[in-house]
C-alpha atoms as a PDB file:
ATOM      1  CA  MET A   1      15.641  22.505 -19.201  1.00  0.00           C
ATOM      2  CA  LYS A   2      13.075  19.929 -18.581  1.00  0.00           C
ATOM      3  CA  THR A   3      12.225  17.292 -21.517  1.00  0.00           C
ATOM      4  CA  LEU A   4       9.053  14.858 -21.481  1.00  0.00           C
ATOM      5  CA  LEU A   5      10.171  11.165 -23.159  1.00  0.00           C
ATOM      6  CA  ILE A   6       7.302   9.301 -24.504  1.00  0.00           C
ATOM      7  CA  GLY A   7       8.132   5.716 -24.250  1.00  0.00           C
ATOM      8  CA  GLU A   8       6.372   2.980 -26.032  1.00  0.00           C
ATOM      9  CA  TYR A   9       4.770  -0.447 -25.430  1.00  0.00           C
ATOM     10  CA  ARG A  10       4.081  -3.235 -27.965  1.00  0.00           C
ATOM     11  CA  GLU A  11       1.933  -6.450 -27.210  1.00  0.00           C
ATOM     12  CA  GLY A  12       2.562  -6.081 -23.548  1.00  0.00           C
ATOM     13  CA  LYS A  13       6.230  -5.721 -23.975  1.00  0.00           C
ATOM     14  CA  LEU A  14       8.107  -2.187 -23.708  1.00  0.00           C
ATOM     15  CA  LEU A  15      10.535  -1.420 -26.768  1.00  0.00           C
ATOM     16  CA  ASP A  16      13.681  -0.905 -26.770  1.00  0.00           C
ATOM     17  CA  SER A  17      13.833   2.289 -28.410  1.00  0.00           C
ATOM     18  CA  THR A  18      12.232   3.791 -25.074  1.00  0.00           C
ATOM     19  CA  TYR A  19      16.321   3.772 -23.585  1.00  0.00           C
ATOM     20  CA  GLU A  20      16.735   5.254 -27.085  1.00  0.00           C
ATOM     21  CA  LEU A  21      15.015   8.368 -26.052  1.00  0.00           C
ATOM     22  CA  LEU A  22      16.900   7.982 -22.594  1.00  0.00           C
ATOM     23  CA  GLY A  23      20.225   8.348 -24.301  1.00  0.00           C
ATOM     24  CA  PHE A  24      18.937  11.367 -26.388  1.00  0.00           C
ATOM     25  CA  ALA A  25      18.069  13.189 -23.128  1.00  0.00           C
ATOM     26  CA  GLY A  26      21.326  12.212 -21.604  1.00  0.00           C
ATOM     27  CA  GLN A  27      22.927  14.073 -24.513  1.00  0.00           C
ATOM     28  CA  LEU A  28      20.684  16.982 -24.114  1.00  0.00           C
ATOM     29  CA  GLY A  29      21.670  17.293 -20.595  1.00  0.00           C
ATOM     30  CA  SER A  30      18.052  17.675 -19.722  1.00  0.00           C
ATOM     31  CA  GLU A  31      15.820  16.851 -16.480  1.00  0.00           C
ATOM     32  CA  THR A  32      13.346  14.333 -17.562  1.00  0.00           C
ATOM     33  CA  ALA A  33      10.044  12.623 -16.983  1.00  0.00           C
ATOM     34  CA  MET A  34       8.495   9.807 -19.244  1.00  0.00           C
ATOM     35  CA  LEU A  35       5.485   8.965 -19.598  1.00  0.00           C
ATOM     36  CA  ILE A  36       4.003   5.403 -21.037  1.00  0.00           C
ATOM     37  CA  VAL A  37       1.259   3.363 -21.731  1.00  0.00           C
ATOM     38  CA  GLY A  38       1.561   0.104 -20.250  1.00  0.00           C
ATOM     39  CA  SER A  39       1.911  -2.084 -17.372  1.00  0.00           C
ATOM     40  CA  GLU A  40       3.831  -2.360 -14.036  1.00  0.00           C
ATOM     41  CA  ASN A  41       4.659  -5.472 -14.924  1.00  0.00           C
ATOM     42  CA  GLN A  42       7.372  -4.052 -17.161  1.00  0.00           C
ATOM     43  CA  LEU A  43       8.686  -0.783 -16.314  1.00  0.00           C
ATOM     44  CA  PRO A  44      11.619   1.014 -17.497  1.00  0.00           C
ATOM     45  CA  ALA A  45      15.282   0.764 -15.704  1.00  0.00           C
ATOM     46  CA  TYR A  46      14.896   4.393 -15.072  1.00  0.00           C
ATOM     47  CA  GLY A  47      14.798   6.521 -11.632  1.00  0.00           C
ATOM     48  CA  GLY A  48      12.919   9.100 -12.419  1.00  0.00           C
ATOM     49  CA  THR A  49       9.506  10.644 -12.810  1.00  0.00           C
ATOM     50  CA  LEU A  50       7.084   8.147 -14.459  1.00  0.00           C
ATOM     51  CA  TYR A  51       3.549   8.936 -15.513  1.00  0.00           C
ATOM     52  CA  LEU A  52       1.906   5.573 -16.167  1.00  0.00           C
ATOM     53  CA  ALA A  53      -1.406   4.943 -17.626  1.00  0.00           C
ATOM     54  CA  ASP A  54      -2.438   1.007 -18.177  1.00  0.00           C
ATOM     55  CA  ALA A  55      -2.948  -0.244 -21.177  1.00  0.00           C
ATOM     56  CA  ALA A  56      -5.244  -3.068 -20.407  1.00  0.00           C
ATOM     57  CA  ALA A  57      -7.837   0.100 -19.722  1.00  0.00           C
ATOM     58  CA  CYS A  58      -6.669   2.573 -22.259  1.00  0.00           C
ATOM     59  CA  GLY A  59      -5.213   0.491 -25.318  1.00  0.00           C
ATOM     60  CA  GLU A  60      -1.377   0.255 -26.176  1.00  0.00           C
ATOM     61  CA  TYR A  61      -2.931   2.582 -29.037  1.00  0.00           C
ATOM     62  CA  ASN A  62      -5.617   5.106 -28.807  1.00  0.00           C
ATOM     63  CA  PRO A  63      -4.810   8.662 -30.662  1.00  0.00           C
ATOM     64  CA  ASP A  64      -7.143  10.425 -28.983  1.00  0.00           C
ATOM     65  CA  LEU A  65      -6.866   8.952 -25.592  1.00  0.00           C
ATOM     66  CA  HIS A  66      -2.690   8.449 -25.399  1.00  0.00           C
ATOM     67  CA  LYS A  67      -2.632  12.584 -26.742  1.00  0.00           C
ATOM     68  CA  LYS A  68      -5.175  13.459 -23.521  1.00  0.00           C
ATOM     69  CA  LEU A  69      -2.759  11.596 -21.235  1.00  0.00           C
ATOM     70  CA  ILE A  70       0.333  13.290 -22.869  1.00  0.00           C
ATOM     71  CA  LEU A  71      -0.922  16.782 -22.399  1.00  0.00           C
ATOM     72  CA  GLU A  72      -2.539  15.870 -18.504  1.00  0.00           C
ATOM     73  CA  ALA A  73       1.845  15.200 -18.132  1.00  0.00           C
ATOM     74  CA  VAL A  74       2.780  18.152 -19.958  1.00  0.00           C
ATOM     75  CA  GLN A  75       0.440  20.563 -17.741  1.00  0.00           C
ATOM     76  CA  GLN A  76       1.929  18.801 -14.658  1.00  0.00           C
ATOM     77  CA  GLU A  77       5.675  18.651 -16.046  1.00  0.00           C
ATOM     78  CA  ASN A  78       5.619  21.949 -18.030  1.00  0.00           C
ATOM     79  CA  PRO A  79       8.829  20.583 -20.320  1.00  0.00           C
ATOM     80  CA  ASP A  80      10.481  22.064 -22.959  1.00  0.00           C
ATOM     81  CA  TYR A  81      10.509  19.326 -25.274  1.00  0.00           C
ATOM     82  CA  ILE A  82       8.198  16.410 -25.840  1.00  0.00           C
ATOM     83  CA  VAL A  83      10.172  13.745 -27.471  1.00  0.00           C
ATOM     84  CA  PHE A  84       8.992  10.298 -29.373  1.00  0.00           C
ATOM     85  CA  VAL A  85      10.454   8.144 -31.025  1.00  0.00           C
ATOM     86  CA  HIS A  86       9.965   8.480 -34.991  1.00  0.00           C
ATOM     87  CA  SER A  87       7.973   5.246 -35.343  1.00  0.00           C
ATOM     88  CA  SER A  88       4.122   4.557 -36.740  1.00  0.00           C
ATOM     89  CA  TYR A  89       3.335   5.544 -33.095  1.00  0.00           C
ATOM     90  CA  GLY A  90       5.268   8.813 -32.543  1.00  0.00           C
ATOM     91  CA  TRP A  91       4.738  10.256 -36.155  1.00  0.00           C
ATOM     92  CA  ASP A  92       0.967   9.951 -35.732  1.00  0.00           C
ATOM     93  CA  LEU A  93       0.895  11.361 -31.794  1.00  0.00           C
ATOM     94  CA  ALA A  94       3.574  14.034 -32.252  1.00  0.00           C
ATOM     95  CA  PRO A  95       1.388  16.582 -34.827  1.00  0.00           C
ATOM     96  CA  ARG A  96      -1.541  15.714 -32.879  1.00  0.00           C
ATOM     97  CA  VAL A  97       0.288  16.822 -29.492  1.00  0.00           C
ATOM     98  CA  ALA A  98       2.048  19.766 -31.299  1.00  0.00           C
ATOM     99  CA  ALA A  99      -1.107  21.820 -32.491  1.00  0.00           C
ATOM    100  CA  SER A 100      -2.907  21.365 -29.522  1.00  0.00           C
ATOM    101  CA  LEU A 101       0.251  23.040 -27.664  1.00  0.00           C
ATOM    102  CA  LYS A 102       0.569  25.606 -30.536  1.00  0.00           C
ATOM    103  CA  ALA A 103       4.399  23.950 -30.468  1.00  0.00           C
ATOM    104  CA  ALA A 104       6.710  23.674 -33.101  1.00  0.00           C
ATOM    105  CA  GLN A 105       7.316  19.908 -34.214  1.00  0.00           C
ATOM    106  CA  ILE A 106      10.792  18.652 -35.475  1.00  0.00           C
ATOM    107  CA  SER A 107      10.422  15.280 -36.847  1.00  0.00           C
ATOM    108  CA  GLU A 108      13.634  12.748 -37.633  1.00  0.00           C
ATOM    109  CA  VAL A 109      16.463  14.379 -34.955  1.00  0.00           C
ATOM    110  CA  ILE A 110      19.407  12.824 -35.451  1.00  0.00           C
ATOM    111  CA  ALA A 111      21.663  14.748 -33.728  1.00  0.00           C
ATOM    112  CA  ILE A 112      22.009  17.829 -31.428  1.00  0.00           C
ATOM    113  CA  GLN A 113      23.393  20.844 -32.253  1.00  0.00           C
ATOM    114  CA  ASP A 114      24.105  24.065 -30.031  1.00  0.00           C
ATOM    115  CA  GLY A 115      20.297  25.940 -29.633  1.00  0.00           C
ATOM    116  CA  GLY A 116      18.784  23.268 -32.299  1.00  0.00           C
ATOM    117  CA  PHE A 117      18.642  20.044 -33.994  1.00  0.00           C
ATOM    118  CA  GLU A 118      19.973  18.213 -37.031  1.00  0.00           C
ATOM    119  CA  VAL A 119      17.488  16.480 -39.370  1.00  0.00           C
ATOM    120  CA  GLY A 120      17.791  14.472 -42.290  1.00  0.00           C
ATOM    121  CA  CYS A 121      16.070  15.416 -45.233  1.00  0.00           C
ATOM    122  CA  CYS A 122      16.192  14.663 -49.131  1.00  0.00           C
ATOM    123  CA  ASN A 123      15.314  11.035 -48.110  1.00  0.00           C
ATOM    124  CA  ALA A 124      18.568  10.785 -45.668  1.00  0.00           C
ATOM    125  CA  LYS A 125      20.670  12.531 -48.769  1.00  0.00           C
ATOM    126  CA  MET A 126      21.518  15.634 -47.028  1.00  0.00           C
ATOM    127  CA  ARG A 127      20.946  17.009 -43.697  1.00  0.00           C
ATOM    128  CA  ARG A 128      19.617  20.184 -42.100  1.00  0.00           C
ATOM    129  CA  SER A 129      20.053  22.382 -38.647  1.00  0.00           C
ATOM    130  CA  VAL A 130      16.336  23.534 -37.424  1.00  0.00           C
ATOM    131  CA  LYS A 131      15.717  25.196 -33.690  1.00  0.00           C
ATOM    132  CA  PRO A 132      12.236  25.837 -32.678  1.00  0.00           C
ATOM    133  CA  ALA A 133      10.405  28.928 -32.969  1.00  0.00           C
ATOM    134  CA  THR A 134       8.101  28.237 -29.740  1.00  0.00           C
ATOM    135  CA  SER A 135       9.081  27.962 -26.384  1.00  0.00           C
ATOM    136  CA  LYS A 136       7.705  24.313 -26.513  1.00  0.00           C
ATOM    137  CA  ALA A 137       8.751  22.258 -28.799  1.00  0.00           C
ATOM    138  CA  VAL A 138       7.859  17.910 -30.192  1.00  0.00           C
ATOM    139  CA  LEU A 139      10.535  16.483 -31.501  1.00  0.00           C
ATOM    140  CA  THR A 140      10.917  12.739 -32.981  1.00  0.00           C
ATOM    141  CA  ILE A 141      14.038  11.265 -32.766  1.00  0.00           C
ATOM    142  CA  GLN A 142      15.457   8.846 -35.592  1.00  0.00           C
ATOM    143  CA  ALA A 143      15.623   5.600 -34.154  1.00  0.00           C
ATOM    144  CA  GLY A 144      19.479   4.274 -33.819  1.00  0.00           C
ATOM    145  CA  ALA A 145      20.307   7.696 -34.038  1.00  0.00           C
ATOM    146  CA  PHE A 146      20.857   7.980 -30.226  1.00  0.00           C
ATOM    147  CA  PRO A 147      22.837   5.243 -28.387  1.00  0.00           C
ATOM    148  CA  PRO A 148      20.189   3.553 -25.883  1.00  0.00           C
ATOM    149  CA  LEU A 149      21.100   4.687 -21.922  1.00  0.00           C
ATOM    150  CA  GLN A 150      19.835   2.344 -19.565  1.00  0.00           C
ATOM    151  CA  PRO A 151      20.273   4.557 -16.019  1.00  0.00           C
ATOM    152  CA  GLY A 152      18.958   1.654 -13.975  1.00  0.00           C
ATOM    153  CA  GLY A 153      16.909   2.355 -10.709  1.00  0.00           C
ATOM    154  CA  SER A 154      12.921   2.340 -10.054  1.00  0.00           C
ATOM    155  CA  PRO A 155      10.902   4.940 -11.138  1.00  0.00           C
ATOM    156  CA  THR A 156       8.557   7.271  -8.802  1.00  0.00           C
ATOM    157  CA  ILE A 157       4.817   6.086 -10.547  1.00  0.00           C
ATOM    158  CA  ARG A 158       2.363   8.576 -10.988  1.00  0.00           C
ATOM    159  CA  LYS A 159      -0.612   7.247 -12.376  1.00  0.00           C
ATOM    160  CA  LEU A 160      -2.867   8.538 -15.021  1.00  0.00           C
ATOM    161  CA  ALA A 161      -6.158   7.202 -15.528  1.00  0.00           C
ATOM    162  CA  GLY A 162      -6.637   7.991 -19.194  1.00  0.00           C
ATOM    163  CA  ASP A 163     -10.601   8.085 -18.728  1.00  0.00           C
ATOM    164  CA  GLY A 164     -13.060   9.505 -21.566  1.00  0.00           C
ATOM    165  CA  GLY A 165     -10.660   8.493 -24.608  1.00  0.00           C
ATOM    166  CA  GLY A 166     -13.124   9.354 -27.234  1.00  0.00           C
ATOM    167  CA  PRO A 167     -14.869   6.820 -29.852  1.00  0.00           C
ATOM    168  CA  LEU A 168     -12.250   4.797 -31.086  1.00  0.00           C
ATOM    169  CA  GLU A 169     -10.886   1.455 -29.308  1.00  0.00           C
ATOM    170  CA  PHE A 170      -8.051  -0.038 -29.627  1.00  0.00           C
ATOM    171  CA  VAL A 171      -8.431  -3.757 -31.592  1.00  0.00           C
ATOM    172  CA  GLY A 172      -4.627  -5.249 -31.626  1.00  0.00           C
ATOM    173  CA  TYR A 173      -1.926  -5.110 -34.165  1.00  0.00           C
ATOM    174  CA  GLU A 174      -1.731  -7.104 -37.170  1.00  0.00           C
ATOM    175  CA  PRO A 175       1.727  -8.659 -38.244  1.00  0.00           C
ATOM    176  CA  ALA A 176       2.811  -7.406 -41.480  1.00  0.00           C
ATOM    177  CA  GLU A 177       3.332 -10.226 -44.418  1.00  0.00           C
ATOM    178  CA  LYS A 178       6.032 -12.466 -43.931  1.00  0.00           C
ATOM    179  CA  LYS A 179       9.408 -11.483 -45.810  1.00  0.00           C
ATOM    180  CA  ASP A 180      11.017 -13.680 -48.386  1.00  0.00           C
ATOM    181  CA  VAL A 181      14.057 -13.444 -46.299  1.00  0.00           C
ATOM    182  CA  ASP A 182      14.516 -13.349 -42.581  1.00  0.00           C
ATOM    183  CA  LEU A 183      17.845 -11.063 -43.001  1.00  0.00           C
ATOM    184  CA  GLY A 184      17.335 -10.889 -39.052  1.00  0.00           C
ATOM    185  CA  LYS A 185      18.532 -14.305 -38.602  1.00  0.00           C
ATOM    186  CA  ALA A 186      21.419 -14.362 -40.946  1.00  0.00           C
ATOM    187  CA  GLU A 187      25.138 -14.573 -39.845  1.00  0.00           C
ATOM    188  CA  ILE A 188      26.656 -12.834 -42.683  1.00  0.00           C
ATOM    189  CA  ILE A 189      24.600 -10.722 -45.134  1.00  0.00           C
ATOM    190  CA  VAL A 190      26.138  -8.550 -48.442  1.00  0.00           C
ATOM    191  CA  SER A 191      24.105  -5.741 -49.231  1.00  0.00           C
ATOM    192  CA  ALA A 192      23.762  -3.790 -52.356  1.00  0.00           C
ATOM    193  CA  GLY A 193      24.112  -0.150 -52.324  1.00  0.00           C
ATOM    194  CA  ARG A 194      23.272   2.528 -55.100  1.00  0.00           C
ATOM    195  CA  GLY A 195      27.256   2.480 -55.517  1.00  0.00           C
ATOM    196  CA  ILE A 196      26.771  -0.595 -57.866  1.00  0.00           C
ATOM    197  CA  GLY A 197      25.361   1.099 -60.841  1.00  0.00           C
ATOM    198  CA  LYS A 198      22.475  -0.466 -62.211  1.00  0.00           C
ATOM    199  CA  LYS A 199      20.118  -3.667 -62.216  1.00  0.00           C
ATOM    200  CA  ASP A 200      22.249  -5.668 -63.969  1.00  0.00           C
ATOM    201  CA  ASN A 201      24.961  -5.820 -61.892  1.00  0.00           C
ATOM    202  CA  VAL A 202      23.010  -7.405 -58.794  1.00  0.00           C
ATOM    203  CA  PRO A 203      23.946 -10.423 -59.408  1.00  0.00           C
ATOM    204  CA  VAL A 204      27.815  -9.786 -58.742  1.00  0.00           C
ATOM    205  CA  ILE A 205      26.544  -8.807 -55.089  1.00  0.00           C
ATOM    206  CA  GLN A 206      24.551 -12.149 -54.901  1.00  0.00           C
ATOM    207  CA  ALA A 207      27.536 -14.263 -56.253  1.00  0.00           C
ATOM    208  CA  LEU A 208      29.766 -13.186 -52.940  1.00  0.00           C
ATOM    209  CA  ALA A 209      26.957 -13.386 -50.304  1.00  0.00           C
ATOM    210  CA  LYS A 210      26.381 -17.107 -51.946  1.00  0.00           C
ATOM    211  CA  ALA A 211      30.502 -17.611 -51.979  1.00  0.00           C
ATOM    212  CA  LEU A 212      30.250 -16.497 -48.379  1.00  0.00           C
ATOM    213  CA  GLY A 213      27.361 -18.548 -47.167  1.00  0.00           C
ATOM    214  CA  GLY A 214      25.046 -15.632 -46.840  1.00  0.00           C
ATOM    215  CA  GLU A 215      22.345 -13.686 -47.424  1.00  0.00           C
ATOM    216  CA  MET A 216      22.195 -10.664 -49.778  1.00  0.00           C
ATOM    217  CA  GLY A 217      20.767  -7.213 -48.602  1.00  0.00           C
ATOM    218  CA  ALA A 218      20.123  -3.843 -50.110  1.00  0.00           C
ATOM    219  CA  SER A 219      19.980  -0.244 -49.158  1.00  0.00           C
ATOM    220  CA  ARG A 220      16.753   1.948 -49.732  1.00  0.00           C
ATOM    221  CA  PRO A 221      17.509   3.816 -52.840  1.00  0.00           C
ATOM    222  CA  VAL A 222      18.149  -0.305 -54.634  1.00  0.00           C
ATOM    223  CA  VAL A 223      14.802  -1.326 -53.542  1.00  0.00           C
ATOM    224  CA  ASP A 224      12.917   2.120 -54.761  1.00  0.00           C
ATOM    225  CA  ALA A 225      14.394   1.714 -57.949  1.00  0.00           C
ATOM    226  CA  GLY A 226      12.961  -2.042 -58.412  1.00  0.00           C
ATOM    227  CA  TRP A 227      16.371  -3.706 -58.476  1.00  0.00           C
ATOM    228  CA  VAL A 228      15.864  -6.172 -55.917  1.00  0.00           C
ATOM    229  CA  GLU A 229      12.561  -6.527 -53.752  1.00  0.00           C
ATOM    230  CA  HIS A 230      11.541  -5.211 -50.689  1.00  0.00           C
ATOM    231  CA  SER A 231      12.126  -8.092 -48.262  1.00  0.00           C
ATOM    232  CA  HIS A 232      15.749  -7.312 -48.673  1.00  0.00           C
ATOM    233  CA  GLN A 233      15.919  -4.036 -47.663  1.00  0.00           C
ATOM    234  CA  VAL A 234      17.883  -3.261 -44.279  1.00  0.00           C
ATOM    235  CA  GLY A 235      16.942  -0.088 -42.535  1.00  0.00           C
ATOM    236  CA  THR A 236      14.596   1.578 -40.162  1.00  0.00           C
ATOM    237  CA  THR A 237      12.222   1.121 -43.147  1.00  0.00           C
ATOM    238  CA  GLY A 238      13.145  -2.517 -43.738  1.00  0.00           C
ATOM    239  CA  GLN A 239      15.255  -4.907 -41.724  1.00  0.00           C
ATOM    240  CA  THR A 240      16.861  -4.350 -38.475  1.00  0.00           C
ATOM    241  CA  VAL A 241      19.890  -6.796 -38.759  1.00  0.00           C
ATOM    242  CA  SER A 242      23.257  -7.728 -36.595  1.00  0.00           C
ATOM    243  CA  PRO A 243      24.855 -10.548 -38.174  1.00  0.00           C
ATOM    244  CA  LYS A 244      28.376 -11.856 -36.957  1.00  0.00           C
ATOM    245  CA  LEU A 245      29.547 -10.016 -40.632  1.00  0.00           C
ATOM    246  CA  TYR A 246      28.029  -7.207 -42.702  1.00  0.00           C
ATOM    247  CA  ILE A 247      29.526  -6.051 -46.137  1.00  0.00           C
ATOM    248  CA  ALA A 248      28.420  -2.312 -47.627  1.00  0.00           C
ATOM    249  CA  CYS A 249      29.109  -2.766 -51.134  1.00  0.00           C
ATOM    250  CA  GLY A 250      28.367   1.068 -52.749  1.00  0.00           C
ATOM    251  CA  ILE A 251      26.240   2.209 -49.550  1.00  0.00           C
ATOM    252  CA  SER A 252      26.769   5.523 -48.872  1.00  0.00           C
ATOM    253  CA  GLY A 253      25.361   5.683 -45.420  1.00  0.00           C
ATOM    254  CA  ALA A 254      22.123   7.096 -44.701  1.00  0.00           C
ATOM    255  CA  ILE A 255      21.644   7.464 -41.094  1.00  0.00           C
ATOM    256  CA  GLN A 256      17.853   4.995 -41.904  1.00  0.00           C
ATOM    257  CA  HIS A 257      20.572   2.191 -43.071  1.00  0.00           C
ATOM    258  CA  LEU A 258      23.066   2.305 -40.457  1.00  0.00           C
ATOM    259  CA  ALA A 259      20.346   2.175 -38.068  1.00  0.00           C
ATOM    260  CA  GLY A 260      19.212  -0.947 -39.564  1.00  0.00           C
ATOM    261  CA  MET A 261      22.788  -2.416 -39.502  1.00  0.00           C
ATOM    262  CA  LYS A 262      24.985  -0.742 -37.454  1.00  0.00           C
ATOM    263  CA  LYS A 263      25.241  -3.308 -34.649  1.00  0.00           C
ATOM    264  CA  SER A 264      26.591  -5.986 -36.650  1.00  0.00           C
ATOM    265  CA  ASP A 265      29.795  -7.626 -35.075  1.00  0.00           C
ATOM    266  CA  PHE A 266      32.343  -6.832 -38.324  1.00  0.00           C
ATOM    267  CA  ILE A 267      31.559  -4.143 -40.556  1.00  0.00           C
ATOM    268  CA  ILE A 268      33.245  -4.281 -44.104  1.00  0.00           C
ATOM    269  CA  ALA A 269      32.272  -1.282 -46.451  1.00  0.00           C
ATOM    270  CA  ILE A 270      33.460  -1.165 -49.628  1.00  0.00           C
ATOM    271  CA  ASN A 271      33.076   2.159 -51.677  1.00  0.00           C
ATOM    272  CA  LYS A 272      34.547   4.589 -53.752  1.00  0.00           C
ATOM    273  CA  ASP A 273      34.088   7.290 -51.392  1.00  0.00           C
ATOM    274  CA  LYS A 274      36.781   7.613 -48.526  1.00  0.00           C
ATOM    275  CA  ASP A 275      34.913  10.309 -46.442  1.00  0.00           C
ATOM    276  CA  ALA A 276      31.142   8.428 -47.128  1.00  0.00           C
ATOM    277  CA  PRO A 277      29.066   7.748 -43.769  1.00  0.00           C
ATOM    278  CA  ILE A 278      29.255   4.338 -43.723  1.00  0.00           C
ATOM    279  CA  GLY A 279      33.065   4.801 -43.046  1.00  0.00           C
ATOM    280  CA  GLU A 280      32.187   5.919 -39.627  1.00  0.00           C
ATOM    281  CA  VAL A 281      30.632   2.431 -38.541  1.00  0.00           C
ATOM    282  CA  ALA A 282      32.702   0.524 -40.620  1.00  0.00           C
ATOM    283  CA  ASP A 283      35.573  -2.292 -39.099  1.00  0.00           C
ATOM    284  CA  VAL A 284      37.400  -2.034 -42.512  1.00  0.00           C
ATOM    285  CA  LEU A 285      36.563   0.965 -45.159  1.00  0.00           C
ATOM    286  CA  VAL A 286      38.012  -1.028 -48.382  1.00  0.00           C
ATOM    287  CA  VAL A 287      38.545   2.333 -50.889  1.00  0.00           C
ATOM    288  CA  ALA A 288      37.757   0.771 -54.240  1.00  0.00           C
ATOM    289  CA  ASP A 289      35.326   0.713 -57.491  1.00  0.00           C
ATOM    290  CA  VAL A 290      32.834  -1.888 -56.051  1.00  0.00           C
ATOM    291  CA  MET A 291      32.443  -3.548 -59.268  1.00  0.00           C
ATOM    292  CA  GLN A 292      36.078  -4.075 -60.133  1.00  0.00           C
ATOM    293  CA  PHE A 293      36.560  -5.274 -55.840  1.00  0.00           C
ATOM    294  CA  VAL A 294      33.802  -7.367 -55.408  1.00  0.00           C
ATOM    295  CA  PRO A 295      34.307  -9.742 -58.443  1.00  0.00           C
ATOM    296  CA  ALA A 296      37.761 -10.478 -57.524  1.00  0.00           C
ATOM    297  CA  LEU A 297      36.908 -10.855 -53.840  1.00  0.00           C
ATOM    298  CA  THR A 298      34.341 -13.406 -54.646  1.00  0.00           C
ATOM    299  CA  ALA A 299      36.757 -15.205 -56.667  1.00  0.00           C
ATOM    300  CA  LYS A 300      39.397 -15.354 -53.985  1.00  0.00           C
ATOM    301  CA  VAL A 301      36.677 -17.041 -51.156  1.00  0.00           C
ATOM    302  CA  ALA A 302      35.600 -19.314 -53.813  1.00  0.00           C
ATOM    303  CA  ARG A 303      39.220 -20.711 -54.405  1.00  0.00           C
END
């Protein structure tokens, strides 16, 4: 079995998600090669074959040209799987590559199963098992689903020219609007999940965050319901955080949320369901009604 991993650069820097791809390949137990459009000045600590195209010449993103580069590497490697991270880069390129190869595409892989993969569905509320129906398959893996692997070593470089990329030209990245709350700098975060019941209960979570000298976060369902602003959202579609203390209040633990907070130093989860997925990453799981436990905890902290 052979896998071609597609790493990412952004603004001249190799993204850490590249090592999550290696972690995925390690769990798969496959022989690997990698392709990046980047720079020789910053290469991954990876001892295998690395197809390298110069980002200065090709642009850090150009869908037509990058697809052509990937297909060239596929022709040389003949991999069983071509794997991207499920990012804006991956979810744009993966279907283009799959269509060109007439290959199956499986998006947002969160686990490897015998002969197939596990993916999230229904806004990560459920999981399903899928198997590719073609000899080759194009995959995107959910960010944070696979522990990063840094095997070390220096790659064997095979350069790709990337000529004839079509009518598009990479101009640059435009940063997103500045967030009202920079959760990435907070040492303590208390996050509200759908388990708090209703919008009127948000101040209960805010009070605990204030008592602890921290910031309030939220899960995606709470944001989608309009209970709090998107700037408070933790997860792959919000902010990735790693505070000293993270308290999850009524959050079940969808993979997208876990990916955004599981690197916290200490995690406390408060949930009525003792089998909630959040318990898998929590240092302490409090099985209790959030709206009874949190006010009592806030009062203790205040005293």
